[in-house]
Amino acid sequence: MKQSRLEVSGNYAGAVTRLLAHWVDVALAGFLFVSGSVAVDYVLNRIAGLETTVSEPSLWRSIAAVTWLFIYWWGSLALAGKTPGKALLGLRVLNREGEILTGWKAAIRTVFLPLSYAVFGLGFLGIIVGKERRALHDVVAGSSVVYDWGPRTAELPSPISAFVERRVAEEAAAEADNDS
């Protein structure tokens, strides 16, 4: 007996997957920024002879951090349609026509990402309750996040596919009974 598998490529990405991808991106972007800061500090101290310390907070370090985070998210989305965290978890950010975001739309999405955190993260509520699972920054930029593993088909494992198919059949039967 052949067990069926449901294809998930192209479906809207869920909240948990998006959250995990975001954490990977935050960790990676932070690690790269700190590593770069240490390298610049080393060059300034050892080669240029300037007294600097990475641990000292300053306006310039804050501006550099914000600039780096913008470049990380904007560049990844504009060039590949996904950040490294999204790539790791099989996600892609697309416009409403199913294409990779333009540089301008990627910039808009990146600028509005922090606003999704505003007011206790209410900008992310659409990912949980919305039909298309779009956060505030997705709505503003006209983007959607979907499952996309590239040329290979992303599928749910057979037991989960069987459960989903049974559940859909039960819901259809209940709806048919309600219509009668």
C-alpha atoms as a PDB file:
ATOM      1  CA  MET A   1       0.000   0.000   0.000  1.00  0.00           C
ATOM      2  CA  LYS A   2       1.424   3.354  -1.057  1.00  0.00           C
ATOM      3  CA  GLN A   3       1.376   6.021   1.630  1.00  0.00           C
ATOM      4  CA  SER A   4       0.673   9.528   0.429  1.00  0.00           C
ATOM      5  CA  ARG A   5       2.816  12.552   1.173  1.00  0.00           C
ATOM      6  CA  LEU A   6       1.550  16.116   1.047  1.00  0.00           C
ATOM      7  CA  GLU A   7       3.668  18.647  -0.788  1.00  0.00           C
ATOM      8  CA  VAL A   8       4.350  21.770   1.276  1.00  0.00           C
ATOM      9  CA  SER A   9       6.520  23.799  -1.124  1.00  0.00           C
ATOM     10  CA  GLY A  10       4.864  27.116  -1.829  1.00  0.00           C
ATOM     11  CA  ASN A  11       2.667  27.046   1.284  1.00  0.00           C
ATOM     12  CA  TYR A  12       2.839  29.949   3.692  1.00  0.00           C
ATOM     13  CA  ALA A  13       5.469  29.423   6.381  1.00  0.00           C
ATOM     14  CA  GLY A  14       4.304  28.842   9.922  1.00  0.00           C
ATOM     15  CA  ALA A  15       5.071  30.875  13.025  1.00  0.00           C
ATOM     16  CA  VAL A  16       7.461  28.368  14.602  1.00  0.00           C
ATOM     17  CA  THR A  17       9.561  27.940  11.462  1.00  0.00           C
ATOM     18  CA  ARG A  18       9.744  31.695  10.940  1.00  0.00           C
ATOM     19  CA  LEU A  19      10.698  32.256  14.580  1.00  0.00           C
ATOM     20  CA  LEU A  20      13.484  29.674  14.440  1.00  0.00           C
ATOM     21  CA  ALA A  21      14.815  31.185  11.202  1.00  0.00           C
ATOM     22  CA  HIS A  22      14.730  34.652  12.778  1.00  0.00           C
ATOM     23  CA  TRP A  23      16.680  33.437  15.824  1.00  0.00           C
ATOM     24  CA  VAL A  24      19.309  31.895  13.563  1.00  0.00           C
ATOM     25  CA  ASP A  25      19.599  35.191  11.692  1.00  0.00           C
ATOM     26  CA  VAL A  26      19.830  37.264  14.871  1.00  0.00           C
ATOM     27  CA  ALA A  27      22.539  34.956  16.254  1.00  0.00           C
ATOM     28  CA  LEU A  28      24.504  34.879  12.984  1.00  0.00           C
ATOM     29  CA  ALA A  29      24.230  38.631  12.357  1.00  0.00           C
ATOM     30  CA  GLY A  30      25.290  39.327  15.946  1.00  0.00           C
ATOM     31  CA  PHE A  31      28.216  36.915  15.747  1.00  0.00           C
ATOM     32  CA  LEU A  32      29.401  38.443  12.465  1.00  0.00           C
ATOM     33  CA  PHE A  33      29.095  41.975  13.842  1.00  0.00           C
ATOM     34  CA  VAL A  34      31.014  41.166  17.015  1.00  0.00           C
ATOM     35  CA  SER A  35      33.686  39.297  15.037  1.00  0.00           C
ATOM     36  CA  GLY A  36      34.026  42.214  12.638  1.00  0.00           C
ATOM     37  CA  SER A  37      34.193  44.676  15.532  1.00  0.00           C
ATOM     38  CA  VAL A  38      36.970  42.687  17.185  1.00  0.00           C
ATOM     39  CA  ALA A  39      38.882  42.548  13.888  1.00  0.00           C
ATOM     40  CA  VAL A  40      38.525  46.311  13.335  1.00  0.00           C
ATOM     41  CA  ASP A  41      39.530  46.946  16.955  1.00  0.00           C
ATOM     42  CA  TYR A  42      42.607  44.755  16.499  1.00  0.00           C
ATOM     43  CA  VAL A  43      43.614  46.571  13.317  1.00  0.00           C
ATOM     44  CA  LEU A  44      43.121  49.997  14.920  1.00  0.00           C
ATOM     45  CA  ASN A  45      45.035  49.028  18.080  1.00  0.00           C
ATOM     46  CA  ARG A  46      47.902  47.008  16.598  1.00  0.00           C
ATOM     47  CA  ILE A  47      48.433  48.494  13.169  1.00  0.00           C
ATOM     48  CA  ALA A  48      47.170  52.076  13.399  1.00  0.00           C
ATOM     49  CA  GLY A  49      48.175  52.535  17.037  1.00  0.00           C
ATOM     50  CA  LEU A  50      44.806  54.006  18.083  1.00  0.00           C
ATOM     51  CA  GLU A  51      43.381  53.242  21.526  1.00  0.00           C
ATOM     52  CA  THR A  52      39.969  51.608  21.108  1.00  0.00           C
ATOM     53  CA  THR A  53      38.015  49.035  23.041  1.00  0.00           C
ATOM     54  CA  VAL A  54      35.222  46.921  21.603  1.00  0.00           C
ATOM     55  CA  SER A  55      33.440  46.785  24.950  1.00  0.00           C
ATOM     56  CA  GLU A  56      33.016  50.567  25.148  1.00  0.00           C
ATOM     57  CA  PRO A  57      29.537  51.545  23.962  1.00  0.00           C
ATOM     58  CA  SER A  58      29.450  54.531  21.663  1.00  0.00           C
ATOM     59  CA  LEU A  59      27.201  56.251  19.185  1.00  0.00           C
ATOM     60  CA  TRP A  60      29.435  55.088  16.327  1.00  0.00           C
ATOM     61  CA  ARG A  61      29.195  51.431  17.377  1.00  0.00           C
ATOM     62  CA  SER A  62      25.409  51.744  17.595  1.00  0.00           C
ATOM     63  CA  ILE A  63      25.241  53.290  14.123  1.00  0.00           C
ATOM     64  CA  ALA A  64      27.555  50.562  12.819  1.00  0.00           C
ATOM     65  CA  ALA A  65      25.382  47.846  14.392  1.00  0.00           C
ATOM     66  CA  VAL A  66      22.152  49.232  12.912  1.00  0.00           C
ATOM     67  CA  THR A  67      23.825  49.663   9.515  1.00  0.00           C
ATOM     68  CA  TRP A  68      25.187  46.113   9.616  1.00  0.00           C
ATOM     69  CA  LEU A  69      21.785  44.627  10.550  1.00  0.00           C
ATOM     70  CA  PHE A  70      20.136  46.546   7.712  1.00  0.00           C
ATOM     71  CA  ILE A  71      22.752  45.331   5.227  1.00  0.00           C
ATOM     72  CA  TYR A  72      22.454  41.725   6.485  1.00  0.00           C
ATOM     73  CA  TRP A  73      18.655  41.549   6.087  1.00  0.00           C
ATOM     74  CA  TRP A  74      18.270  43.807   3.051  1.00  0.00           C
ATOM     75  CA  GLY A  75      21.183  42.294   1.110  1.00  0.00           C
ATOM     76  CA  SER A  76      20.096  38.724   1.776  1.00  0.00           C
ATOM     77  CA  LEU A  77      16.509  39.377   0.711  1.00  0.00           C
ATOM     78  CA  ALA A  78      17.387  41.494  -2.320  1.00  0.00           C
ATOM     79  CA  LEU A  79      20.034  39.082  -3.642  1.00  0.00           C
ATOM     80  CA  ALA A  80      18.691  35.635  -2.745  1.00  0.00           C
ATOM     81  CA  GLY A  81      15.147  36.119  -1.482  1.00  0.00           C
ATOM     82  CA  LYS A  82      16.145  34.597   1.845  1.00  0.00           C
ATOM     83  CA  THR A  83      18.447  35.195   4.758  1.00  0.00           C
ATOM     84  CA  PRO A  84      20.858  32.459   5.886  1.00  0.00           C
ATOM     85  CA  GLY A  85      18.430  31.494   8.670  1.00  0.00           C
ATOM     86  CA  LYS A  86      15.539  31.241   6.234  1.00  0.00           C
ATOM     87  CA  ALA A  87      17.694  29.207   3.826  1.00  0.00           C
ATOM     88  CA  LEU A  88      18.583  26.796   6.629  1.00  0.00           C
ATOM     89  CA  LEU A  89      14.903  26.205   7.394  1.00  0.00           C
ATOM     90  CA  GLY A  90      13.702  26.119   3.772  1.00  0.00           C
ATOM     91  CA  LEU A  91      11.963  29.488   3.638  1.00  0.00           C
ATOM     92  CA  ARG A  92      11.893  32.160   0.947  1.00  0.00           C
ATOM     93  CA  VAL A  93      10.499  35.705   0.937  1.00  0.00           C
ATOM     94  CA  LEU A  94       8.524  36.495  -2.208  1.00  0.00           C
ATOM     95  CA  ASN A  95       6.366  39.325  -3.463  1.00  0.00           C
ATOM     96  CA  ARG A  96       2.644  38.854  -4.131  1.00  0.00           C
ATOM     97  CA  GLU A  97       3.409  37.611  -7.666  1.00  0.00           C
ATOM     98  CA  GLY A  98       5.728  34.867  -6.361  1.00  0.00           C
ATOM     99  CA  GLU A  99       9.004  36.568  -7.329  1.00  0.00           C
ATOM    100  CA  ILE A 100      12.019  37.571  -5.241  1.00  0.00           C
ATOM    101  CA  LEU A 101      11.608  41.052  -3.752  1.00  0.00           C
ATOM    102  CA  THR A 102      13.113  44.001  -5.560  1.00  0.00           C
ATOM    103  CA  GLY A 103      15.841  45.908  -3.739  1.00  0.00           C
ATOM    104  CA  TRP A 104      13.341  48.636  -2.852  1.00  0.00           C
ATOM    105  CA  LYS A 105      10.727  46.213  -1.451  1.00  0.00           C
ATOM    106  CA  ALA A 106      13.454  44.355   0.483  1.00  0.00           C
ATOM    107  CA  ALA A 107      14.546  47.701   1.987  1.00  0.00           C
ATOM    108  CA  ILE A 108      10.966  48.551   2.985  1.00  0.00           C
ATOM    109  CA  ARG A 109      10.513  45.111   4.590  1.00  0.00           C
ATOM    110  CA  THR A 110      13.820  45.468   6.443  1.00  0.00           C
ATOM    111  CA  VAL A 111      13.028  48.975   7.744  1.00  0.00           C
ATOM    112  CA  PHE A 112       9.594  47.879   8.995  1.00  0.00           C
ATOM    113  CA  LEU A 113      10.862  44.670  10.663  1.00  0.00           C
ATOM    114  CA  PRO A 114      11.676  46.469  13.960  1.00  0.00           C
ATOM    115  CA  LEU A 115       8.193  48.027  13.944  1.00  0.00           C
ATOM    116  CA  SER A 116       6.702  44.527  14.081  1.00  0.00           C
ATOM    117  CA  TYR A 117       8.333  44.258  17.518  1.00  0.00           C
ATOM    118  CA  ALA A 118       6.738  47.520  18.673  1.00  0.00           C
ATOM    119  CA  VAL A 119       3.896  47.342  21.188  1.00  0.00           C
ATOM    120  CA  PHE A 120       4.764  43.918  22.572  1.00  0.00           C
ATOM    121  CA  GLY A 121       5.261  42.269  19.192  1.00  0.00           C
ATOM    122  CA  LEU A 122       1.724  42.856  17.928  1.00  0.00           C
ATOM    123  CA  GLY A 123       3.126  43.293  14.413  1.00  0.00           C
ATOM    124  CA  PHE A 124       3.752  39.530  14.355  1.00  0.00           C
ATOM    125  CA  LEU A 125       0.171  38.618  15.253  1.00  0.00           C
ATOM    126  CA  GLY A 126      -0.750  38.192  11.584  1.00  0.00           C
ATOM    127  CA  ILE A 127       1.681  35.266  11.331  1.00  0.00           C
ATOM    128  CA  ILE A 128      -0.391  33.378  13.884  1.00  0.00           C
ATOM    129  CA  VAL A 129      -3.949  34.375  12.961  1.00  0.00           C
ATOM    130  CA  GLY A 130      -3.773  35.528   9.344  1.00  0.00           C
ATOM    131  CA  LYS A 131      -4.708  33.296   6.431  1.00  0.00           C
ATOM    132  CA  GLU A 132      -1.502  34.237   4.566  1.00  0.00           C
ATOM    133  CA  ARG A 133       0.606  34.364   7.768  1.00  0.00           C
ATOM    134  CA  ARG A 134       1.942  37.862   7.089  1.00  0.00           C
ATOM    135  CA  ALA A 135       3.503  40.082   9.742  1.00  0.00           C
ATOM    136  CA  LEU A 136       3.258  43.883   9.661  1.00  0.00           C
ATOM    137  CA  HIS A 137       6.521  44.192   7.712  1.00  0.00           C
ATOM    138  CA  ASP A 138       5.211  41.663   5.148  1.00  0.00           C
ATOM    139  CA  VAL A 139       1.977  43.605   4.665  1.00  0.00           C
ATOM    140  CA  VAL A 140       3.778  46.933   4.230  1.00  0.00           C
ATOM    141  CA  ALA A 141       6.299  45.484   1.747  1.00  0.00           C
ATOM    142  CA  GLY A 142       3.781  43.293  -0.083  1.00  0.00           C
ATOM    143  CA  SER A 143       5.724  40.136   0.731  1.00  0.00           C
ATOM    144  CA  SER A 144       4.971  36.595   1.886  1.00  0.00           C
ATOM    145  CA  VAL A 145       7.193  33.921   3.411  1.00  0.00           C
ATOM    146  CA  VAL A 146       6.763  30.440   1.933  1.00  0.00           C
ATOM    147  CA  TYR A 147       8.356  27.039   2.252  1.00  0.00           C
ATOM    148  CA  ASP A 148      10.846  26.551  -0.573  1.00  0.00           C
ATOM    149  CA  TRP A 149      13.602  23.939  -0.636  1.00  0.00           C
ATOM    150  CA  GLY A 150      14.704  24.796  -4.157  1.00  0.00           C
ATOM    151  CA  PRO A 151      14.591  22.136  -6.873  1.00  0.00           C
ATOM    152  CA  ARG A 152      13.621  19.306  -4.542  1.00  0.00           C
ATOM    153  CA  THR A 153      10.046  18.924  -3.378  1.00  0.00           C
ATOM    154  CA  ALA A 154       9.342  19.640   0.269  1.00  0.00           C
ATOM    155  CA  GLU A 155       6.874  17.108   1.640  1.00  0.00           C
ATOM    156  CA  LEU A 156       5.327  16.259   4.949  1.00  0.00           C
ATOM    157  CA  PRO A 157       6.271  12.770   6.224  1.00  0.00           C
ATOM    158  CA  SER A 158       3.691  10.087   5.429  1.00  0.00           C
ATOM    159  CA  PRO A 159       2.203   9.752   8.939  1.00  0.00           C
ATOM    160  CA  ILE A 160       1.619  13.501   9.146  1.00  0.00           C
ATOM    161  CA  SER A 161       0.230  13.546   5.598  1.00  0.00           C
ATOM    162  CA  ALA A 162      -2.179  10.743   6.497  1.00  0.00           C
ATOM    163  CA  PHE A 163      -3.300  12.647   9.618  1.00  0.00           C
ATOM    164  CA  VAL A 164      -3.844  15.856   7.629  1.00  0.00           C
ATOM    165  CA  GLU A 165      -5.799  13.997   4.916  1.00  0.00           C
ATOM    166  CA  ARG A 166      -8.030  12.323   7.562  1.00  0.00           C
ATOM    167  CA  ARG A 167      -8.585  15.675   9.268  1.00  0.00           C
ATOM    168  CA  VAL A 168      -9.509  17.398   5.991  1.00  0.00           C
ATOM    169  CA  ALA A 169     -11.912  14.547   5.137  1.00  0.00           C
ATOM    170  CA  GLU A 170     -13.524  14.777   8.600  1.00  0.00           C
ATOM    171  CA  GLU A 171     -13.948  18.551   8.260  1.00  0.00           C
ATOM    172  CA  ALA A 172     -15.444  18.153   4.766  1.00  0.00           C
ATOM    173  CA  ALA A 173     -17.862  15.502   6.066  1.00  0.00           C
ATOM    174  CA  ALA A 174     -18.868  17.723   9.015  1.00  0.00           C
ATOM    175  CA  GLU A 175     -19.402  20.649   6.662  1.00  0.00           C
ATOM    176  CA  ALA A 176     -21.516  18.475   4.362  1.00  0.00           C
ATOM    177  CA  ASP A 177     -23.621  17.375   7.378  1.00  0.00           C
ATOM    178  CA  ASN A 178     -24.106  21.005   8.420  1.00  0.00           C
ATOM    179  CA  ASP A 179     -25.232  21.948   4.895  1.00  0.00           C
ATOM    180  CA  SER A 180     -27.859  19.151   4.938  1.00  0.00           C
END
